[in-house]
Amino acid sequence: FSSFQARWIRERQYHASQQIEEEPGGSLLLTMQVAGLDEVRRWLLSFGADAEVLQPRSLREEIAAHAKKLTEIYAETSE
């Protein structure tokens, strides 16, 4: 999570397995073991560019595809 969003991520426990690793510049890595990705996907998308998925690769690819689709939608209306 970006340093902007990290301040709020630190305040809550989102999952019993979560582990937080502080990164230089105030950003952080949040790691957790989950049974499914559907809820996690929607949750991560709510953070926009303030969250980057590193693993699993399949979730990273899904988020990237979603971002690409958004770019295409908004590129059509930009003038």
C-alpha atoms as a PDB file:
ATOM      1  CA  PHE A   1       0.000   0.000   0.000  1.00  0.00           C
ATOM      2  CA  SER A   2       1.146   3.529  -0.709  1.00  0.00           C
ATOM      3  CA  SER A   3       2.340   5.681   2.157  1.00  0.00           C
ATOM      4  CA  PHE A   4      -0.902   7.670   1.836  1.00  0.00           C
ATOM      5  CA  GLN A   5      -3.105   4.610   2.376  1.00  0.00           C
ATOM      6  CA  ALA A   6      -0.744   2.801   4.767  1.00  0.00           C
ATOM      7  CA  ARG A   7      -1.688   4.986   7.731  1.00  0.00           C
ATOM      8  CA  TRP A   8      -5.223   3.568   7.671  1.00  0.00           C
ATOM      9  CA  ILE A   9      -4.180   0.003   6.856  1.00  0.00           C
ATOM     10  CA  ARG A  10      -1.991  -0.042   9.979  1.00  0.00           C
ATOM     11  CA  GLU A  11      -4.976   0.820  12.190  1.00  0.00           C
ATOM     12  CA  ARG A  12      -7.091  -2.258  11.460  1.00  0.00           C
ATOM     13  CA  GLN A  13      -6.854  -5.983  11.444  1.00  0.00           C
ATOM     14  CA  TYR A  14      -8.391  -7.171   8.190  1.00  0.00           C
ATOM     15  CA  HIS A  15      -7.611 -10.854   8.594  1.00  0.00           C
ATOM     16  CA  ALA A  16      -6.380 -13.118  11.395  1.00  0.00           C
ATOM     17  CA  SER A  17      -3.374 -14.182   9.301  1.00  0.00           C
ATOM     18  CA  GLN A  18      -2.305 -10.701   8.272  1.00  0.00           C
ATOM     19  CA  GLN A  19       1.290  -9.562   8.593  1.00  0.00           C
ATOM     20  CA  ILE A  20       2.456  -6.012   7.974  1.00  0.00           C
ATOM     21  CA  GLU A  21       5.942  -5.172   6.794  1.00  0.00           C
ATOM     22  CA  GLU A  22       6.987  -1.528   6.831  1.00  0.00           C
ATOM     23  CA  GLU A  23       8.706  -0.263   3.682  1.00  0.00           C
ATOM     24  CA  PRO A  24      10.988   2.744   3.123  1.00  0.00           C
ATOM     25  CA  GLY A  25       9.082   5.949   2.541  1.00  0.00           C
ATOM     26  CA  GLY A  26       6.094   4.915   4.667  1.00  0.00           C
ATOM     27  CA  SER A  27       4.490   2.376   2.354  1.00  0.00           C
ATOM     28  CA  LEU A  28       3.787  -1.136   3.590  1.00  0.00           C
ATOM     29  CA  LEU A  29       3.319  -4.732   2.522  1.00  0.00           C
ATOM     30  CA  LEU A  30       0.224  -6.506   3.814  1.00  0.00           C
ATOM     31  CA  THR A  31       0.337 -10.287   3.585  1.00  0.00           C
ATOM     32  CA  MET A  32      -2.489 -12.673   4.439  1.00  0.00           C
ATOM     33  CA  GLN A  33      -3.644 -16.188   3.645  1.00  0.00           C
ATOM     34  CA  VAL A  34      -7.224 -16.236   2.344  1.00  0.00           C
ATOM     35  CA  ALA A  35      -9.528 -18.986   1.141  1.00  0.00           C
ATOM     36  CA  GLY A  36     -10.816 -17.086  -1.891  1.00  0.00           C
ATOM     37  CA  LEU A  37     -10.024 -14.001  -3.924  1.00  0.00           C
ATOM     38  CA  ASP A  38     -13.446 -12.587  -4.840  1.00  0.00           C
ATOM     39  CA  GLU A  39     -13.878 -10.386  -1.758  1.00  0.00           C
ATOM     40  CA  VAL A  40     -10.187  -9.506  -1.694  1.00  0.00           C
ATOM     41  CA  ARG A  41     -10.335  -8.389  -5.339  1.00  0.00           C
ATOM     42  CA  ARG A  42     -13.218  -6.003  -4.703  1.00  0.00           C
ATOM     43  CA  TRP A  43     -11.576  -4.712  -1.528  1.00  0.00           C
ATOM     44  CA  LEU A  44      -8.266  -4.042  -3.295  1.00  0.00           C
ATOM     45  CA  LEU A  45      -9.951  -2.275  -6.200  1.00  0.00           C
ATOM     46  CA  SER A  46     -11.494   0.161  -3.708  1.00  0.00           C
ATOM     47  CA  PHE A  47      -7.978   1.523  -3.019  1.00  0.00           C
ATOM     48  CA  GLY A  48      -7.305   2.363  -6.666  1.00  0.00           C
ATOM     49  CA  ALA A  49      -3.693   3.257  -7.348  1.00  0.00           C
ATOM     50  CA  ASP A  50      -2.861   3.232  -3.615  1.00  0.00           C
ATOM     51  CA  ALA A  51      -2.640  -0.577  -3.639  1.00  0.00           C
ATOM     52  CA  GLU A  52      -0.502  -2.864  -5.756  1.00  0.00           C
ATOM     53  CA  VAL A  53      -1.031  -6.626  -5.784  1.00  0.00           C
ATOM     54  CA  LEU A  54       2.231  -8.564  -5.832  1.00  0.00           C
ATOM     55  CA  GLN A  55       0.933 -12.117  -5.317  1.00  0.00           C
ATOM     56  CA  PRO A  56      -0.761 -14.296  -6.313  1.00  0.00           C
ATOM     57  CA  ARG A  57       0.099 -13.612  -9.918  1.00  0.00           C
ATOM     58  CA  SER A  58      -3.426 -14.483 -11.060  1.00  0.00           C
ATOM     59  CA  LEU A  59      -4.902 -11.725  -8.879  1.00  0.00           C
ATOM     60  CA  ARG A  60      -2.263  -9.257 -10.043  1.00  0.00           C
ATOM     61  CA  GLU A  61      -3.190 -10.044 -13.661  1.00  0.00           C
ATOM     62  CA  GLU A  62      -6.920  -9.628 -12.938  1.00  0.00           C
ATOM     63  CA  ILE A  63      -6.351  -6.226 -11.317  1.00  0.00           C
ATOM     64  CA  ALA A  64      -4.116  -5.162 -14.222  1.00  0.00           C
ATOM     65  CA  ALA A  65      -6.790  -6.207 -16.738  1.00  0.00           C
ATOM     66  CA  HIS A  66      -9.383  -4.214 -14.799  1.00  0.00           C
ATOM     67  CA  ALA A  67      -7.103  -1.153 -14.803  1.00  0.00           C
ATOM     68  CA  LYS A  68      -6.551  -1.517 -18.547  1.00  0.00           C
ATOM     69  CA  LYS A  69     -10.291  -1.682 -19.146  1.00  0.00           C
ATOM     70  CA  LEU A  70     -10.811   1.477 -17.076  1.00  0.00           C
ATOM     71  CA  THR A  71      -8.102   3.239 -19.065  1.00  0.00           C
ATOM     72  CA  GLU A  72      -9.814   2.286 -22.316  1.00  0.00           C
ATOM     73  CA  ILE A  73     -13.210   3.494 -21.059  1.00  0.00           C
ATOM     74  CA  TYR A  74     -11.901   6.859 -19.938  1.00  0.00           C
ATOM     75  CA  ALA A  75      -9.600   7.326 -22.929  1.00  0.00           C
ATOM     76  CA  GLU A  76     -12.654   7.282 -25.188  1.00  0.00           C
ATOM     77  CA  THR A  77     -14.244  10.230 -23.370  1.00  0.00           C
ATOM     78  CA  SER A  78     -11.094  12.321 -22.847  1.00  0.00           C
ATOM     79  CA  GLU A  79     -10.789  15.428 -24.953  1.00  0.00           C
END
